[in-house]
N, C-alpha and C. Protein backbone atom coordinates (compact mmCIF):
# COMPACT_ATOMS: atom_id res chain seq x y z
N MET A 1 221.26 132.90 272.22
CA MET A 1 221.72 133.44 273.50
C MET A 1 223.02 134.21 273.33
N GLY A 2 223.70 134.04 272.23
CA GLY A 2 225.01 134.65 272.08
C GLY A 2 226.08 133.69 272.53
N THR A 3 227.25 134.22 272.80
CA THR A 3 228.39 133.38 273.13
C THR A 3 228.22 132.73 274.51
N ILE A 4 228.37 131.42 274.51
CA ILE A 4 228.43 130.68 275.78
C ILE A 4 229.90 130.66 276.16
N SER A 5 230.22 131.25 277.31
CA SER A 5 231.59 131.47 277.62
C SER A 5 232.21 130.57 278.64
N PRO A 6 233.18 131.16 279.34
CA PRO A 6 234.12 130.38 280.14
C PRO A 6 233.46 129.26 280.93
N ARG A 7 234.22 128.25 281.21
CA ARG A 7 233.71 127.13 281.99
C ARG A 7 234.00 127.33 283.47
N VAL A 8 233.16 126.73 284.30
CA VAL A 8 233.34 126.83 285.74
C VAL A 8 233.27 125.43 286.33
N GLY A 9 234.05 125.20 287.39
CA GLY A 9 234.03 123.90 288.04
C GLY A 9 232.86 123.77 288.99
N PHE A 10 232.21 122.60 288.95
CA PHE A 10 231.08 122.34 289.84
C PHE A 10 230.95 120.84 290.05
N ALA A 11 231.04 120.40 291.30
CA ALA A 11 230.86 118.98 291.65
C ALA A 11 231.69 118.06 290.77
N GLY A 12 232.92 118.47 290.50
CA GLY A 12 233.83 117.64 289.71
C GLY A 12 233.64 117.77 288.21
N LEU A 13 232.75 118.65 287.77
CA LEU A 13 232.48 118.84 286.34
C LEU A 13 232.95 120.23 285.90
N GLU A 14 233.18 120.35 284.60
CA GLU A 14 233.35 121.67 284.01
C GLU A 14 232.08 122.01 283.26
N LEU A 15 231.49 123.14 283.58
CA LEU A 15 230.23 123.53 282.97
C LEU A 15 230.38 124.83 282.18
N LEU A 16 229.69 124.90 281.04
CA LEU A 16 229.63 126.13 280.28
C LEU A 16 228.82 127.16 281.05
N THR A 17 229.19 128.42 280.92
CA THR A 17 228.47 129.49 281.61
C THR A 17 228.08 130.59 280.63
N ALA A 18 227.18 131.44 281.07
CA ALA A 18 226.76 132.59 280.28
C ALA A 18 226.63 133.77 281.22
N PRO A 19 227.74 134.34 281.67
CA PRO A 19 227.72 135.41 282.67
C PRO A 19 226.83 136.58 282.26
N GLY A 20 226.05 137.04 283.22
CA GLY A 20 225.16 138.15 282.98
C GLY A 20 223.83 137.76 282.38
N ARG A 21 223.75 136.54 281.86
CA ARG A 21 222.50 136.09 281.24
C ARG A 21 221.88 134.91 281.99
N VAL A 22 222.75 134.07 282.55
CA VAL A 22 222.29 132.93 283.35
C VAL A 22 223.16 132.88 284.60
N MET A 23 222.56 132.62 285.75
CA MET A 23 223.32 132.60 287.00
C MET A 23 224.43 131.56 286.94
N THR A 24 225.62 131.97 287.32
CA THR A 24 226.77 131.07 287.35
C THR A 24 226.68 130.20 288.60
N PRO A 25 226.80 128.87 288.46
CA PRO A 25 226.66 128.00 289.64
C PRO A 25 227.75 128.25 290.68
N ARG A 26 227.37 128.14 291.94
CA ARG A 26 228.29 128.30 293.06
C ARG A 26 228.60 126.95 293.69
N ARG A 27 229.77 126.88 294.28
CA ARG A 27 230.17 125.65 294.96
C ARG A 27 229.23 125.30 296.11
N THR A 28 228.58 126.30 296.71
CA THR A 28 227.68 126.02 297.82
C THR A 28 226.52 125.12 297.39
N THR A 29 226.20 125.11 296.11
CA THR A 29 225.09 124.29 295.63
C THR A 29 225.46 122.82 295.51
N GLU A 30 226.73 122.51 295.62
CA GLU A 30 227.16 121.11 295.55
C GLU A 30 226.53 120.27 296.66
N GLU A 31 226.32 120.87 297.83
CA GLU A 31 225.68 120.13 298.92
C GLU A 31 224.26 119.72 298.55
N LEU A 32 223.57 120.57 297.80
CA LEU A 32 222.22 120.24 297.37
C LEU A 32 222.25 119.00 296.47
N VAL A 33 223.24 118.90 295.63
CA VAL A 33 223.40 117.71 294.79
C VAL A 33 223.65 116.47 295.65
N GLU A 34 224.55 116.59 296.60
CA GLU A 34 224.89 115.44 297.45
C GLU A 34 223.69 114.97 298.27
N ARG A 35 222.94 115.90 298.81
CA ARG A 35 221.76 115.52 299.60
C ARG A 35 220.69 114.89 298.71
N SER A 36 220.58 115.37 297.49
CA SER A 36 219.62 114.78 296.55
C SER A 36 220.02 113.35 296.21
N LEU A 37 221.31 113.14 295.98
CA LEU A 37 221.79 111.79 295.66
C LEU A 37 221.57 110.84 296.83
N ALA A 38 221.74 111.33 298.05
CA ALA A 38 221.50 110.50 299.22
C ALA A 38 220.04 110.08 299.29
N ARG A 39 219.13 110.96 298.91
CA ARG A 39 217.70 110.64 298.87
C ARG A 39 217.40 109.61 297.80
N LEU A 40 218.04 109.77 296.64
CA LEU A 40 217.72 108.92 295.50
C LEU A 40 218.25 107.49 295.65
N GLY A 41 219.47 107.37 296.16
CA GLY A 41 220.07 106.04 296.20
C GLY A 41 220.23 105.49 294.79
N ALA A 42 220.03 104.19 294.63
CA ALA A 42 220.19 103.56 293.31
C ALA A 42 218.87 103.22 292.66
N LYS A 43 217.77 103.65 293.26
CA LYS A 43 216.46 103.24 292.76
C LYS A 43 215.96 104.17 291.65
N PRO A 44 215.08 103.69 290.78
CA PRO A 44 214.48 104.55 289.76
C PRO A 44 213.65 105.65 290.43
N ALA A 45 213.66 106.82 289.83
CA ALA A 45 212.91 107.94 290.39
C ALA A 45 212.70 108.99 289.31
N ARG A 46 211.65 109.81 289.50
CA ARG A 46 211.40 110.95 288.61
C ARG A 46 211.78 112.21 289.39
N VAL A 47 212.74 112.94 288.83
CA VAL A 47 213.34 114.08 289.53
C VAL A 47 213.20 115.34 288.68
N VAL A 48 212.92 116.47 289.34
CA VAL A 48 212.86 117.75 288.64
C VAL A 48 213.81 118.75 289.31
N ASP A 49 214.65 119.36 288.49
CA ASP A 49 215.48 120.48 288.92
C ASP A 49 214.76 121.75 288.49
N VAL A 50 214.18 122.46 289.45
CA VAL A 50 213.38 123.66 289.17
C VAL A 50 214.26 124.90 289.22
N GLY A 51 214.21 125.72 288.17
CA GLY A 51 215.09 126.87 288.08
C GLY A 51 216.49 126.40 287.73
N SER A 52 216.58 125.63 286.65
CA SER A 52 217.81 124.88 286.35
C SER A 52 219.02 125.75 286.06
N GLY A 53 218.82 126.99 285.58
CA GLY A 53 219.96 127.86 285.30
C GLY A 53 220.91 127.24 284.30
N SER A 54 222.13 126.98 284.72
CA SER A 54 223.14 126.38 283.85
C SER A 54 222.93 124.89 283.65
N GLY A 55 222.07 124.29 284.46
CA GLY A 55 221.89 122.84 284.41
C GLY A 55 222.84 122.09 285.33
N ALA A 56 223.52 122.81 286.21
CA ALA A 56 224.52 122.19 287.09
C ALA A 56 223.94 121.04 287.90
N ILE A 57 222.78 121.26 288.50
CA ILE A 57 222.18 120.22 289.34
C ILE A 57 221.68 119.07 288.49
N ALA A 58 220.93 119.38 287.45
CA ALA A 58 220.34 118.33 286.61
C ALA A 58 221.41 117.44 285.97
N VAL A 59 222.46 118.05 285.44
CA VAL A 59 223.52 117.28 284.80
C VAL A 59 224.26 116.42 285.82
N SER A 60 224.56 117.00 286.98
CA SER A 60 225.26 116.24 288.03
C SER A 60 224.44 115.04 288.46
N LEU A 61 223.13 115.21 288.64
CA LEU A 61 222.28 114.10 289.06
C LEU A 61 222.17 113.05 287.96
N ALA A 62 222.08 113.48 286.72
CA ALA A 62 221.97 112.52 285.62
C ALA A 62 223.21 111.64 285.53
N LEU A 63 224.38 112.23 285.78
CA LEU A 63 225.62 111.47 285.70
C LEU A 63 225.78 110.49 286.85
N ARG A 64 225.29 110.86 288.02
CA ARG A 64 225.55 110.05 289.21
C ARG A 64 224.35 109.23 289.69
N ALA A 65 223.20 109.44 289.08
CA ALA A 65 222.01 108.64 289.42
C ALA A 65 221.43 108.10 288.12
N PRO A 66 222.09 107.11 287.52
CA PRO A 66 221.70 106.65 286.18
C PRO A 66 220.30 106.04 286.09
N GLU A 67 219.71 105.65 287.22
CA GLU A 67 218.36 105.08 287.20
C GLU A 67 217.27 106.15 287.26
N ALA A 68 217.68 107.39 287.49
CA ALA A 68 216.70 108.47 287.65
C ALA A 68 216.32 109.09 286.30
N GLU A 69 215.07 109.46 286.19
CA GLU A 69 214.59 110.23 285.04
C GLU A 69 214.64 111.70 285.46
N ILE A 70 215.48 112.47 284.78
CA ILE A 70 215.74 113.84 285.19
C ILE A 70 215.04 114.84 284.28
N TRP A 71 214.34 115.78 284.90
CA TRP A 71 213.75 116.91 284.20
C TRP A 71 214.40 118.18 284.70
N ALA A 72 214.56 119.16 283.80
CA ALA A 72 215.10 120.47 284.17
C ALA A 72 214.17 121.52 283.60
N VAL A 73 213.78 122.48 284.44
CA VAL A 73 212.82 123.49 283.99
C VAL A 73 213.27 124.88 284.45
N ASP A 74 213.07 125.86 283.57
CA ASP A 74 213.40 127.24 283.92
C ASP A 74 212.50 128.16 283.09
N VAL A 75 212.19 129.33 283.64
CA VAL A 75 211.37 130.29 282.90
C VAL A 75 212.20 131.04 281.85
N SER A 76 213.51 131.05 282.02
CA SER A 76 214.40 131.79 281.12
C SER A 76 214.78 130.96 279.90
N PRO A 77 214.53 131.46 278.69
CA PRO A 77 214.93 130.72 277.49
C PRO A 77 216.45 130.56 277.40
N GLU A 78 217.19 131.53 277.93
CA GLU A 78 218.65 131.43 277.91
C GLU A 78 219.13 130.32 278.85
N ALA A 79 218.48 130.19 280.00
CA ALA A 79 218.82 129.11 280.92
C ALA A 79 218.50 127.75 280.30
N VAL A 80 217.37 127.65 279.63
CA VAL A 80 217.00 126.40 278.96
C VAL A 80 218.06 126.02 277.93
N GLU A 81 218.50 126.99 277.16
CA GLU A 81 219.52 126.73 276.13
C GLU A 81 220.84 126.29 276.77
N LEU A 82 221.22 126.96 277.86
CA LEU A 82 222.49 126.62 278.51
C LEU A 82 222.42 125.25 279.17
N THR A 83 221.30 124.92 279.79
CA THR A 83 221.13 123.59 280.38
C THR A 83 221.27 122.52 279.31
N ARG A 84 220.65 122.73 278.16
CA ARG A 84 220.77 121.76 277.07
C ARG A 84 222.21 121.63 276.60
N ALA A 85 222.92 122.76 276.53
CA ALA A 85 224.32 122.72 276.09
C ALA A 85 225.18 121.93 277.07
N ASN A 86 224.96 122.13 278.38
CA ASN A 86 225.76 121.39 279.36
C ASN A 86 225.38 119.91 279.41
N ALA A 87 224.11 119.60 279.19
CA ALA A 87 223.71 118.19 279.13
C ALA A 87 224.38 117.51 277.94
N ALA A 88 224.44 118.20 276.81
CA ALA A 88 225.09 117.65 275.62
C ALA A 88 226.60 117.50 275.85
N LEU A 89 227.20 118.50 276.49
CA LEU A 89 228.64 118.47 276.76
C LEU A 89 229.04 117.24 277.56
N HIS A 90 228.18 116.84 278.50
CA HIS A 90 228.50 115.71 279.38
C HIS A 90 227.81 114.41 278.98
N GLY A 91 227.24 114.39 277.79
CA GLY A 91 226.72 113.14 277.25
C GLY A 91 225.44 112.65 277.89
N VAL A 92 224.65 113.56 278.47
CA VAL A 92 223.39 113.12 279.11
C VAL A 92 222.18 113.84 278.50
N ALA A 93 222.35 114.34 277.29
CA ALA A 93 221.24 115.05 276.65
C ALA A 93 220.01 114.15 276.46
N ASP A 94 220.24 112.84 276.36
CA ASP A 94 219.12 111.91 276.20
C ASP A 94 218.45 111.59 277.53
N ARG A 95 219.05 112.01 278.65
CA ARG A 95 218.51 111.68 279.96
C ARG A 95 218.04 112.90 280.74
N VAL A 96 218.38 114.08 280.29
CA VAL A 96 217.92 115.30 280.94
C VAL A 96 216.91 115.97 280.02
N ARG A 97 215.66 115.93 280.40
CA ARG A 97 214.59 116.52 279.61
C ARG A 97 214.43 117.98 280.04
N VAL A 98 214.77 118.87 279.14
CA VAL A 98 214.81 120.30 279.47
C VAL A 98 213.60 121.00 278.86
N VAL A 99 212.85 121.70 279.71
CA VAL A 99 211.66 122.41 279.24
C VAL A 99 211.64 123.82 279.82
N ARG A 100 210.94 124.70 279.13
CA ARG A 100 210.74 126.05 279.64
C ARG A 100 209.38 126.11 280.32
N GLY A 101 209.33 126.65 281.52
CA GLY A 101 208.06 126.74 282.21
C GLY A 101 208.22 127.30 283.61
N ASP A 102 207.09 127.53 284.25
CA ASP A 102 207.07 128.08 285.61
C ASP A 102 206.90 126.94 286.62
N LEU A 103 207.89 126.80 287.47
CA LEU A 103 207.89 125.76 288.51
C LEU A 103 207.57 124.39 287.92
N LEU A 104 206.49 123.72 288.36
CA LEU A 104 206.20 122.36 287.92
C LEU A 104 205.14 122.28 286.82
N GLU A 105 204.69 123.44 286.34
CA GLU A 105 203.56 123.44 285.41
C GLU A 105 203.84 122.66 284.13
N ALA A 106 205.07 122.67 283.64
CA ALA A 106 205.41 122.02 282.37
C ALA A 106 205.84 120.57 282.53
N ILE A 107 205.83 120.08 283.76
CA ILE A 107 206.32 118.72 284.04
C ILE A 107 205.13 117.78 284.23
N PRO A 108 205.07 116.69 283.47
CA PRO A 108 203.94 115.76 283.60
C PRO A 108 204.14 114.75 284.73
N GLY A 109 203.02 114.23 285.23
CA GLY A 109 203.04 113.07 286.11
C GLY A 109 203.47 113.31 287.54
N GLU A 110 203.50 112.22 288.30
CA GLU A 110 203.89 112.23 289.71
C GLU A 110 205.41 112.28 289.82
N LEU A 111 205.89 112.91 290.88
CA LEU A 111 207.33 113.13 291.04
C LEU A 111 207.83 112.54 292.35
N ASP A 112 209.07 112.06 292.31
CA ASP A 112 209.68 111.49 293.51
C ASP A 112 210.58 112.49 294.23
N LEU A 113 211.17 113.40 293.48
CA LEU A 113 212.07 114.37 294.10
C LEU A 113 212.02 115.69 293.32
N VAL A 114 211.83 116.77 294.06
CA VAL A 114 211.89 118.11 293.48
C VAL A 114 213.05 118.83 294.15
N VAL A 115 213.94 119.38 293.33
CA VAL A 115 215.15 120.04 293.82
C VAL A 115 215.16 121.46 293.26
N ALA A 116 215.51 122.44 294.08
CA ALA A 116 215.48 123.81 293.58
C ALA A 116 216.42 124.74 294.33
N ASN A 117 217.01 125.64 293.57
CA ASN A 117 217.77 126.77 294.10
C ASN A 117 217.20 127.99 293.39
N LEU A 118 216.27 128.70 294.05
CA LEU A 118 215.45 129.72 293.40
C LEU A 118 215.88 131.13 293.79
N PRO A 119 215.36 132.15 293.08
CA PRO A 119 215.57 133.53 293.53
C PRO A 119 215.13 133.67 294.98
N TYR A 120 215.91 134.39 295.80
CA TYR A 120 215.64 134.36 297.24
C TYR A 120 215.83 135.69 297.95
N LEU A 121 216.47 136.65 297.32
CA LEU A 121 216.71 137.92 298.00
C LEU A 121 215.56 138.89 297.76
N PRO A 122 215.15 139.64 298.78
CA PRO A 122 214.07 140.61 298.60
C PRO A 122 214.42 141.63 297.51
N ALA A 123 213.46 141.94 296.68
CA ALA A 123 213.71 142.86 295.56
C ALA A 123 214.22 144.21 296.05
N ARG A 124 213.80 144.63 297.23
CA ARG A 124 214.24 145.94 297.74
C ARG A 124 215.76 145.95 297.95
N SER A 125 216.37 144.78 298.18
CA SER A 125 217.82 144.72 298.35
C SER A 125 218.53 145.16 297.08
N HIS A 126 217.95 144.77 295.93
CA HIS A 126 218.53 145.19 294.65
C HIS A 126 218.36 146.69 294.48
N ALA A 127 217.18 147.20 294.80
CA ALA A 127 216.91 148.64 294.66
C ALA A 127 217.83 149.45 295.56
N GLU A 128 218.20 148.89 296.70
CA GLU A 128 219.07 149.59 297.65
C GLU A 128 220.55 149.44 297.30
N GLY A 129 220.83 148.66 296.27
CA GLY A 129 222.22 148.49 295.84
C GLY A 129 223.04 147.56 296.71
N ARG A 130 222.36 146.70 297.46
CA ARG A 130 223.09 145.75 298.31
C ARG A 130 223.50 144.53 297.51
N TYR A 131 224.31 143.67 298.14
CA TYR A 131 224.81 142.44 297.53
C TYR A 131 225.59 142.73 296.24
N ALA A 132 226.63 143.53 296.40
CA ALA A 132 227.46 143.93 295.26
C ALA A 132 228.05 142.73 294.53
N ASP A 133 228.31 141.64 295.26
CA ASP A 133 228.91 140.46 294.63
C ASP A 133 227.96 139.76 293.65
N LEU A 134 226.69 140.13 293.68
CA LEU A 134 225.71 139.50 292.79
C LEU A 134 225.23 140.44 291.69
N ARG A 135 225.81 141.60 291.58
CA ARG A 135 225.33 142.58 290.61
C ARG A 135 225.52 142.12 289.16
N ALA A 136 226.48 141.24 288.92
CA ALA A 136 226.71 140.77 287.56
C ALA A 136 225.74 139.66 287.15
N GLU A 137 224.96 139.16 288.11
CA GLU A 137 224.03 138.07 287.81
C GLU A 137 222.69 138.64 287.32
N PRO A 138 221.92 137.84 286.56
CA PRO A 138 220.59 138.30 286.12
C PRO A 138 219.71 138.60 287.32
N VAL A 139 219.07 139.75 287.32
CA VAL A 139 218.27 140.17 288.47
C VAL A 139 217.20 139.14 288.80
N ALA A 140 216.51 138.61 287.78
CA ALA A 140 215.41 137.69 288.02
C ALA A 140 215.87 136.35 288.59
N ALA A 141 217.16 136.05 288.49
CA ALA A 141 217.68 134.79 289.02
C ALA A 141 218.04 134.88 290.49
N VAL A 142 218.06 136.11 291.02
CA VAL A 142 218.52 136.32 292.38
C VAL A 142 217.47 136.96 293.28
N PHE A 143 216.73 137.93 292.74
CA PHE A 143 215.81 138.72 293.56
C PHE A 143 214.35 138.37 293.28
N ALA A 144 213.55 138.41 294.33
CA ALA A 144 212.12 138.10 294.23
C ALA A 144 211.33 139.14 295.03
N PRO A 145 210.07 139.39 294.68
CA PRO A 145 209.27 140.40 295.39
C PRO A 145 209.11 140.07 296.87
N GLY A 146 208.75 141.11 297.63
CA GLY A 146 208.47 140.91 299.05
C GLY A 146 209.69 140.47 299.83
N ASP A 147 209.50 139.45 300.66
CA ASP A 147 210.60 138.97 301.50
C ASP A 147 211.52 138.01 300.77
N GLY A 148 211.26 137.76 299.49
CA GLY A 148 212.11 136.89 298.69
C GLY A 148 211.70 135.43 298.71
N LEU A 149 210.76 135.07 299.59
CA LEU A 149 210.38 133.67 299.74
C LEU A 149 209.20 133.25 298.86
N GLY A 150 208.66 134.19 298.10
CA GLY A 150 207.50 133.87 297.26
C GLY A 150 207.70 132.65 296.37
N PRO A 151 208.81 132.55 295.62
CA PRO A 151 209.02 131.38 294.77
C PRO A 151 209.05 130.07 295.56
N TYR A 152 209.61 130.11 296.77
CA TYR A 152 209.68 128.90 297.60
C TYR A 152 208.29 128.50 298.10
N ARG A 153 207.50 129.48 298.49
CA ARG A 153 206.14 129.16 298.94
C ARG A 153 205.33 128.54 297.80
N ARG A 154 205.44 129.12 296.62
CA ARG A 154 204.70 128.60 295.47
C ARG A 154 205.16 127.18 295.11
N LEU A 155 206.46 126.94 295.18
CA LEU A 155 206.97 125.61 294.85
C LEU A 155 206.55 124.58 295.89
N ALA A 156 206.53 124.96 297.15
CA ALA A 156 206.09 124.03 298.19
C ALA A 156 204.63 123.63 297.98
N ARG A 157 203.78 124.60 297.62
CA ARG A 157 202.37 124.28 297.36
C ARG A 157 202.23 123.37 296.14
N ALA A 158 202.99 123.67 295.10
CA ALA A 158 202.93 122.83 293.90
C ALA A 158 203.45 121.43 294.17
N SER A 159 204.50 121.33 294.97
CA SER A 159 205.10 120.03 295.29
C SER A 159 204.15 119.17 296.10
N GLU A 160 203.40 119.79 297.00
CA GLU A 160 202.44 119.04 297.82
C GLU A 160 201.43 118.32 296.94
N GLU A 161 201.08 118.93 295.82
CA GLU A 161 200.11 118.34 294.90
C GLU A 161 200.73 117.29 293.97
N ARG A 162 202.05 117.39 293.73
CA ARG A 162 202.66 116.57 292.69
C ARG A 162 203.58 115.47 293.19
N LEU A 163 204.04 115.58 294.42
CA LEU A 163 204.97 114.56 294.92
C LEU A 163 204.28 113.24 295.20
N ALA A 164 204.99 112.15 294.95
CA ALA A 164 204.52 110.83 295.34
C ALA A 164 204.45 110.75 296.87
N GLU A 165 203.80 109.73 297.37
CA GLU A 165 203.60 109.61 298.82
C GLU A 165 204.92 109.68 299.58
N GLU A 166 205.95 109.04 299.04
CA GLU A 166 207.26 109.04 299.70
C GLU A 166 208.20 110.08 299.09
N GLY A 167 207.66 111.00 298.30
CA GLY A 167 208.47 112.00 297.63
C GLY A 167 209.00 113.06 298.57
N ALA A 168 209.94 113.88 298.06
CA ALA A 168 210.57 114.89 298.91
C ALA A 168 210.91 116.14 298.10
N LEU A 169 211.02 117.25 298.82
CA LEU A 169 211.44 118.53 298.26
C LEU A 169 212.73 118.95 298.94
N LEU A 170 213.75 119.28 298.14
CA LEU A 170 215.02 119.78 298.66
C LEU A 170 215.27 121.17 298.09
N LEU A 171 215.54 122.12 298.98
CA LEU A 171 215.73 123.50 298.59
C LEU A 171 217.05 124.03 299.11
N GLN A 172 217.66 124.92 298.34
CA GLN A 172 218.79 125.69 298.86
C GLN A 172 218.33 127.11 299.10
N TYR A 173 218.62 127.61 300.29
CA TYR A 173 218.26 128.99 300.64
C TYR A 173 219.44 129.61 301.38
N ARG A 174 220.03 130.64 300.78
CA ARG A 174 221.18 131.32 301.36
C ARG A 174 222.30 130.35 301.71
N GLY A 175 222.56 129.41 300.82
CA GLY A 175 223.67 128.48 301.00
C GLY A 175 223.37 127.29 301.88
N GLU A 176 222.20 127.24 302.49
CA GLU A 176 221.82 126.12 303.36
C GLU A 176 220.78 125.25 302.66
N VAL A 177 220.87 123.95 302.87
CA VAL A 177 219.92 123.02 302.27
C VAL A 177 218.80 122.70 303.24
N PHE A 178 217.56 122.82 302.77
CA PHE A 178 216.37 122.48 303.55
C PHE A 178 215.69 121.31 302.85
N GLU A 179 215.30 120.31 303.62
CA GLU A 179 214.81 119.05 303.06
C GLU A 179 213.54 118.61 303.78
N ALA A 180 212.55 118.16 303.01
CA ALA A 180 211.31 117.71 303.65
C ALA A 180 210.60 116.70 302.77
N SER A 181 210.01 115.70 303.43
CA SER A 181 209.10 114.79 302.73
C SER A 181 207.79 115.53 302.48
N ARG A 182 206.93 114.96 301.67
CA ARG A 182 205.70 115.65 301.29
C ARG A 182 204.89 116.09 302.52
N TRP A 183 204.81 115.22 303.51
CA TRP A 183 203.98 115.53 304.68
C TRP A 183 204.65 116.53 305.63
N GLN A 184 205.91 116.90 305.33
CA GLN A 184 206.62 117.85 306.19
C GLN A 184 206.73 119.25 305.57
N LEU A 185 206.04 119.50 304.47
CA LEU A 185 206.26 120.73 303.72
C LEU A 185 205.87 121.99 304.51
N ALA A 186 204.83 121.92 305.30
CA ALA A 186 204.45 123.09 306.11
C ALA A 186 205.57 123.46 307.07
N GLY A 187 206.18 122.46 307.67
CA GLY A 187 207.30 122.71 308.58
C GLY A 187 208.50 123.28 307.86
N LEU A 188 208.71 122.84 306.62
CA LEU A 188 209.82 123.36 305.83
C LEU A 188 209.66 124.85 305.59
N LEU A 189 208.45 125.26 305.25
CA LEU A 189 208.20 126.69 305.03
C LEU A 189 208.43 127.49 306.31
N SER A 190 208.04 126.93 307.44
CA SER A 190 208.28 127.62 308.72
C SER A 190 209.77 127.81 308.96
N GLU A 191 210.55 126.78 308.63
CA GLU A 191 212.01 126.88 308.78
C GLU A 191 212.57 127.98 307.90
N LEU A 192 212.14 128.03 306.66
CA LEU A 192 212.62 129.04 305.73
C LEU A 192 212.27 130.45 306.21
N GLU A 193 211.04 130.61 306.66
CA GLU A 193 210.62 131.93 307.13
C GLU A 193 211.39 132.35 308.37
N GLY A 194 211.69 131.39 309.23
CA GLY A 194 212.51 131.70 310.39
C GLY A 194 213.91 132.12 309.99
N ALA A 195 214.47 131.44 309.01
CA ALA A 195 215.81 131.80 308.53
C ALA A 195 215.80 133.19 307.92
N ALA A 196 214.74 133.50 307.15
CA ALA A 196 214.64 134.81 306.51
C ALA A 196 214.55 135.92 307.55
N VAL A 197 213.77 135.71 308.61
CA VAL A 197 213.63 136.70 309.67
C VAL A 197 214.97 136.93 310.37
N SER A 198 215.70 135.85 310.63
CA SER A 198 217.00 135.97 311.30
C SER A 198 217.98 136.78 310.47
N VAL A 199 218.02 136.49 309.18
CA VAL A 199 218.94 137.21 308.29
C VAL A 199 218.57 138.68 308.20
N SER A 200 217.27 138.94 308.11
CA SER A 200 216.79 140.33 308.02
C SER A 200 217.15 141.10 309.28
N ALA A 201 216.96 140.48 310.44
CA ALA A 201 217.28 141.15 311.70
C ALA A 201 218.77 141.41 311.82
N ALA A 202 219.59 140.45 311.38
CA ALA A 202 221.05 140.64 311.42
C ALA A 202 221.47 141.77 310.50
N GLY A 203 220.81 141.87 309.33
CA GLY A 203 221.13 142.93 308.40
C GLY A 203 220.79 144.30 308.97
N ARG A 204 219.67 144.40 309.64
CA ARG A 204 219.27 145.68 310.25
C ARG A 204 220.27 146.09 311.33
N ARG A 205 220.71 145.12 312.13
CA ARG A 205 221.69 145.44 313.17
C ARG A 205 223.00 145.92 312.57
N ALA A 206 223.42 145.24 311.48
CA ALA A 206 224.67 145.60 310.84
C ALA A 206 224.61 147.02 310.25
N ARG A 207 223.47 147.37 309.65
CA ARG A 207 223.35 148.70 309.05
C ARG A 207 223.25 149.78 310.11
N ALA A 208 222.71 149.42 311.28
CA ALA A 208 222.56 150.40 312.34
C ALA A 208 223.87 150.62 313.11
N ALA A 209 224.78 149.66 313.00
CA ALA A 209 226.02 149.73 313.78
C ALA A 209 226.94 150.86 313.27
């Protein structure tokens, strides 16, 4: 991957980063960690961090939920390498199983919790040169085809098939955390689509002003 560079603070940890190659974790994602921990409690569980990036979520959960079996998955080989480096840095390399793959395809067995912060901005936004603050980030980590919700829809469908009866899916979308048990996944998608429509309408008004 080349040089793994400067460290960034996240949820009380210092994490290695790879600017321009792997998305740098944001403080807004700390809420996703906290909500996941609230779901987990102290009980054993099988957890997957989908789209692990730097490994910020997976490493944080491994440190604070010692009874949980943590998996981290990403399609990017650079993200997989960085997640492994951060797991090793914080002494949880034996507890964070890092694999390369698409969504849940590379993860075996039934799952208790699926956590994800996925690409979410419409690809046309990148083509239009919007979101200047994200231009230094890898395009594939931020932008997705269509309305940007494709990865979330696919993950919700996959989670419905893989979650345990009492399992849950937690997602971050535009800085907000969306949470649903397996039987609530259809409603979760409706919430996300409503949020996407609201943001799109606000953007159109702003550009027209």
